[in-house]
């Protein structure tokens, strides 16, 4: 079993799409067939729509997302300067909506938030994951790493036992991936919809019969940061497709 003594990245580094079947790889690669692109298209419309008391749209401040948002997703999660809290892309979108647009926050895992997140993340597709770990966010990084190696639930399994120690092996009909988040938000055939990385965390916790935390929980954000560091160098694929 891998040790948590030192941070580790899998060698060689492989995106989850490399463990998918040929039909799933083809579905992700074709923007006309990829069902996740429906959320990207919806996100593009929401980007232009006024919201809140001031009637501002995302575009009012940020302009054309294809230029202004390129290179954004690859840096998240990061510390929010105003609160000194770790925040992911979904959190940033909700924060902007509340503070800048004076609008009601979007609910985690709502179609609107997934669409906006997918649209913004899509602008960085093909760019490498590149989060920074320094003295300011080191505590969050270490907490996420500890969670990755912690045995949980009635099955007493950790993330690392599947995605660090046994990636590439079969688990039923599926091949175990390295557990990277570079394709999220993602369309999963088992969900028949797009979902966030936090939804995937909850699915895994359910699988090991552990307590599921609410979406946006600090523990999930810490784990998301560790996984982003662990995936450094992989290209962003949003919206990905998996079975």
Protein backbone atom coordinates (compact mmCIF):
# COMPACT_ATOMS: atom_id res chain seq x y z
CA UNK A 1 0.00 0.00 0.00
CA UNK A 2 1.22 3.50 -0.86
CA UNK A 3 2.44 5.60 2.06
CA UNK A 4 1.09 9.05 2.84
CA UNK A 5 4.49 10.13 4.19
CA UNK A 6 5.30 12.15 1.06
CA UNK A 7 2.92 13.60 -1.54
CA UNK A 8 2.74 11.32 -4.56
CA UNK A 9 1.54 11.52 -8.13
CA UNK A 10 0.78 8.35 -10.07
CA UNK A 11 3.44 7.31 -12.55
CA UNK A 12 2.75 7.51 -15.43
CA UNK A 13 0.07 10.17 -15.07
CA UNK A 14 -3.10 9.15 -16.93
CA UNK A 15 -6.44 10.87 -17.37
CA UNK A 16 -9.55 8.86 -16.61
CA UNK A 17 -10.51 8.91 -20.29
CA UNK A 18 -7.58 6.57 -20.98
CA UNK A 19 -9.34 3.89 -18.92
CA UNK A 20 -12.67 4.33 -20.71
CA UNK A 21 -13.98 2.18 -23.54
CA UNK A 22 -13.52 3.20 -27.16
CA UNK A 23 -17.16 4.30 -27.49
CA UNK A 24 -16.90 6.58 -24.44
CA UNK A 25 -13.64 8.10 -25.72
CA UNK A 26 -15.27 8.76 -29.08
CA UNK A 27 -18.33 10.32 -27.40
CA UNK A 28 -16.18 12.73 -25.39
CA UNK A 29 -14.07 13.70 -28.39
CA UNK A 30 -17.05 14.63 -30.59
CA UNK A 31 -18.49 17.99 -29.54
CA UNK A 32 -21.65 17.30 -31.55
CA UNK A 33 -22.26 13.97 -29.79
CA UNK A 34 -20.89 14.78 -26.32
CA UNK A 35 -24.02 15.23 -24.15
CA UNK A 36 -22.09 17.46 -21.73
CA UNK A 37 -21.93 20.13 -24.43
CA UNK A 38 -25.63 20.81 -23.83
CA UNK A 39 -24.65 22.27 -20.45
CA UNK A 40 -21.84 24.28 -22.02
CA UNK A 41 -24.28 25.80 -24.51
CA UNK A 42 -26.73 26.59 -21.71
CA UNK A 43 -23.89 28.13 -19.70
CA UNK A 44 -23.02 30.39 -22.62
CA UNK A 45 -26.59 31.73 -22.62
CA UNK A 46 -26.58 32.23 -18.84
CA UNK A 47 -23.28 34.11 -19.16
CA UNK A 48 -25.08 36.76 -21.20
CA UNK A 49 -28.31 36.93 -19.19
CA UNK A 50 -28.87 39.76 -16.67
CA UNK A 51 -29.35 38.64 -13.08
CA UNK A 52 -30.04 40.33 -9.76
CA UNK A 53 -31.19 43.80 -8.78
CA UNK A 54 -28.58 45.60 -10.89
CA UNK A 55 -29.38 43.63 -14.02
CA UNK A 56 -25.75 42.73 -14.60
CA UNK A 57 -24.68 39.65 -16.53
CA UNK A 58 -21.43 37.74 -16.14
CA UNK A 59 -20.38 39.29 -19.44
CA UNK A 60 -20.97 42.80 -18.04
CA UNK A 61 -17.83 42.44 -15.91
CA UNK A 62 -15.84 39.69 -17.57
CA UNK A 63 -16.58 40.27 -21.24
CA UNK A 64 -16.13 37.45 -23.73
CA UNK A 65 -15.57 34.26 -21.75
CA UNK A 66 -13.60 32.68 -24.57
CA UNK A 67 -10.85 35.21 -23.89
CA UNK A 68 -11.37 36.33 -20.31
CA UNK A 69 -11.96 32.91 -18.76
CA UNK A 70 -9.29 30.96 -20.60
CA UNK A 71 -6.77 29.68 -18.08
CA UNK A 72 -9.13 30.16 -15.12
CA UNK A 73 -10.22 26.63 -14.21
CA UNK A 74 -6.68 25.23 -14.22
CA UNK A 75 -5.87 27.28 -11.05
CA UNK A 76 -8.78 26.16 -8.83
CA UNK A 77 -9.37 25.55 -5.98
CA UNK A 78 -7.59 28.57 -4.51
CA UNK A 79 -7.77 30.85 -1.48
CA UNK A 80 -10.30 33.66 -1.72
CA UNK A 81 -8.49 36.88 -0.70
CA UNK A 82 -11.60 38.34 0.87
CA UNK A 83 -12.38 35.45 3.20
CA UNK A 84 -9.08 33.51 3.29
CA UNK A 85 -11.16 30.40 2.63
CA UNK A 86 -10.55 27.77 -0.01
CA UNK A 87 -12.92 28.17 -2.92
CA UNK A 88 -13.51 26.17 -6.10
CA UNK A 89 -14.89 27.39 -9.42
CA UNK A 90 -18.48 26.71 -8.37
CA UNK A 91 -17.90 28.74 -5.21
CA UNK A 92 -16.44 31.63 -7.20
CA UNK A 93 -19.43 31.71 -9.52
CA UNK A 94 -21.84 31.74 -6.57
CA UNK A 95 -19.78 34.43 -4.86
CA UNK A 96 -19.81 36.66 -7.95
CA UNK A 97 -23.53 36.16 -8.29
CA UNK A 98 -24.19 37.29 -4.72
CA UNK A 99 -21.62 40.09 -4.41
CA UNK A 100 -21.49 41.55 -7.91
CA UNK A 101 -24.92 40.81 -9.34
CA UNK A 102 -26.89 41.10 -6.09
CA UNK A 103 -28.67 37.90 -7.11
CA UNK A 104 -29.81 34.82 -5.26
CA UNK A 105 -27.08 32.16 -4.99
CA UNK A 106 -27.41 29.15 -7.21
CA UNK A 107 -27.91 25.80 -5.53
CA UNK A 108 -25.04 23.31 -5.66
CA UNK A 109 -25.67 20.73 -8.38
CA UNK A 110 -28.41 22.81 -9.96
CA UNK A 111 -28.48 22.80 -13.75
CA UNK A 112 -27.73 26.52 -13.80
CA UNK A 113 -24.59 26.27 -11.68
CA UNK A 114 -23.40 23.16 -13.51
CA UNK A 115 -23.96 24.91 -16.84
CA UNK A 116 -22.04 28.04 -15.87
CA UNK A 117 -19.22 25.98 -14.34
CA UNK A 118 -19.01 23.74 -17.40
CA UNK A 119 -18.98 26.78 -19.70
CA UNK A 120 -16.22 28.59 -17.80
CA UNK A 121 -14.14 25.42 -17.36
CA UNK A 122 -14.60 24.57 -21.05
CA UNK A 123 -12.70 27.72 -22.02
CA UNK A 124 -9.55 26.14 -20.54
CA UNK A 125 -9.97 22.79 -22.26
CA UNK A 126 -6.61 21.52 -23.50
CA UNK A 127 -4.63 23.50 -20.90
CA UNK A 128 -2.71 21.72 -18.12
CA UNK A 129 -3.94 21.61 -14.52
CA UNK A 130 -1.64 23.95 -12.61
CA UNK A 131 -2.59 24.70 -8.99
CA UNK A 132 -0.10 26.39 -6.68
CA UNK A 133 0.72 25.01 -3.23
CA UNK A 134 2.36 27.46 -0.84
CA UNK A 135 2.42 28.37 2.84
CA UNK A 136 -1.02 29.93 2.60
CA UNK A 137 -2.91 26.88 1.36
CA UNK A 138 -0.54 24.19 2.65
CA UNK A 139 -2.88 23.34 5.54
CA UNK A 140 -5.73 22.67 3.11
CA UNK A 141 -3.43 20.60 0.91
CA UNK A 142 -2.32 18.46 3.85
CA UNK A 143 -5.90 17.99 5.02
CA UNK A 144 -6.90 16.87 1.52
CA UNK A 145 -3.97 14.48 1.33
CA UNK A 146 -4.89 13.01 4.72
CA UNK A 147 -8.45 12.46 3.52
CA UNK A 148 -7.20 10.75 0.35
CA UNK A 149 -5.32 8.17 2.45
CA UNK A 150 -7.86 7.86 5.29
CA UNK A 151 -9.80 4.61 5.51
CA UNK A 152 -13.52 5.34 5.62
CA UNK A 153 -16.86 3.66 5.96
CA UNK A 154 -17.99 0.16 6.73
CA UNK A 155 -15.70 -1.23 4.03
CA UNK A 156 -12.67 0.49 5.64
CA UNK A 157 -11.27 1.66 2.30
CA UNK A 158 -9.41 4.84 1.33
CA UNK A 159 -9.30 6.73 -1.97
CA UNK A 160 -5.64 5.73 -2.27
CA UNK A 161 -6.34 2.01 -2.10
CA UNK A 162 -8.29 2.21 -5.35
CA UNK A 163 -6.79 5.15 -7.21
CA UNK A 164 -3.17 5.04 -6.02
CA UNK A 165 -2.52 1.33 -5.37
CA UNK A 166 -4.77 -0.48 -7.84
CA UNK A 167 -5.38 1.81 -10.79
CA UNK A 168 -5.50 -0.01 -14.11
CA UNK A 169 -7.03 -3.11 -12.53
CA UNK A 170 -10.56 -4.33 -13.05
CA UNK A 171 -13.37 -3.70 -10.59
CA UNK A 172 -16.30 -5.57 -12.06
CA UNK A 173 -16.75 -4.41 -15.67
CA UNK A 174 -14.83 -1.15 -15.11
CA UNK A 175 -11.12 -0.32 -15.04
CA UNK A 176 -10.03 1.63 -11.97
CA UNK A 177 -8.77 5.08 -12.93
CA UNK A 178 -6.25 7.25 -11.11
CA UNK A 179 -9.11 9.36 -9.75
CA UNK A 180 -8.34 12.72 -11.36
CA UNK A 181 -10.82 15.60 -11.62
CA UNK A 182 -9.57 17.17 -14.87
CA UNK A 183 -12.78 16.44 -16.81
CA UNK A 184 -15.35 17.86 -14.38
CA UNK A 185 -18.13 18.89 -14.59
CA UNK A 186 -18.67 15.57 -16.30
CA UNK A 187 -21.49 13.68 -18.01
CA UNK A 188 -21.84 10.19 -16.57
CA UNK A 189 -24.08 7.69 -18.32
CA UNK A 190 -25.07 6.18 -14.97
CA UNK A 191 -26.33 9.61 -13.86
CA UNK A 192 -27.87 10.51 -17.24
CA UNK A 193 -26.80 14.09 -16.53
CA UNK A 194 -23.82 16.30 -15.81
CA UNK A 195 -22.45 16.30 -12.27
CA UNK A 196 -19.72 17.98 -10.25
CA UNK A 197 -16.60 16.50 -8.71
CA UNK A 198 -18.30 16.76 -5.32
CA UNK A 199 -21.11 14.55 -6.60
CA UNK A 200 -18.47 11.99 -7.51
CA UNK A 201 -16.97 12.26 -4.02
CA UNK A 202 -20.40 11.52 -2.57
CA UNK A 203 -20.83 8.53 -4.88
CA UNK A 204 -17.53 7.10 -3.72
CA UNK A 205 -18.41 7.69 -0.05
CA UNK A 206 -21.71 5.95 -0.63
CA UNK A 207 -19.84 3.05 -2.24
CA UNK A 208 -17.66 2.52 0.82
CA UNK A 209 -20.70 3.07 3.08
CA UNK A 210 -19.32 6.20 4.70
CA UNK A 211 -21.07 9.35 5.85
CA UNK A 212 -21.67 11.74 2.97
CA UNK A 213 -20.89 15.40 3.55
CA UNK A 214 -22.93 18.21 1.95
CA UNK A 215 -21.87 19.69 -1.37
CA UNK A 216 -19.26 22.39 -0.89
CA UNK A 217 -18.08 20.98 2.45
CA UNK A 218 -14.59 22.20 3.47
CA UNK A 219 -13.36 18.60 3.50
CA UNK A 220 -14.37 18.18 -0.13
CA UNK A 221 -12.60 21.41 -1.06
CA UNK A 222 -9.41 20.22 0.67
CA UNK A 223 -9.59 16.92 -1.20
CA UNK A 224 -10.28 18.75 -4.46
CA UNK A 225 -7.11 20.81 -3.94
CA UNK A 226 -5.01 17.72 -3.28
CA UNK A 227 -6.42 15.97 -6.33
CA UNK A 228 -5.76 19.04 -8.49
CA UNK A 229 -2.11 19.04 -7.36
CA UNK A 230 -1.97 15.29 -7.97
CA UNK A 231 -3.26 15.84 -11.52
CA UNK A 232 -0.82 18.67 -12.29
CA UNK A 233 0.14 18.53 -15.96
CA UNK A 234 -2.94 16.67 -17.16
CA UNK A 235 -4.98 18.54 -19.74
CA UNK A 236 -8.43 19.82 -18.86
CA UNK A 237 -11.20 17.99 -20.72
CA UNK A 238 -14.45 19.64 -19.57
CA UNK A 239 -17.02 18.42 -20.31
CA UNK A 240 -15.78 14.87 -19.92
CA UNK A 241 -17.85 11.73 -20.48
CA UNK A 242 -17.67 8.57 -18.38
CA UNK A 243 -19.79 5.53 -17.93
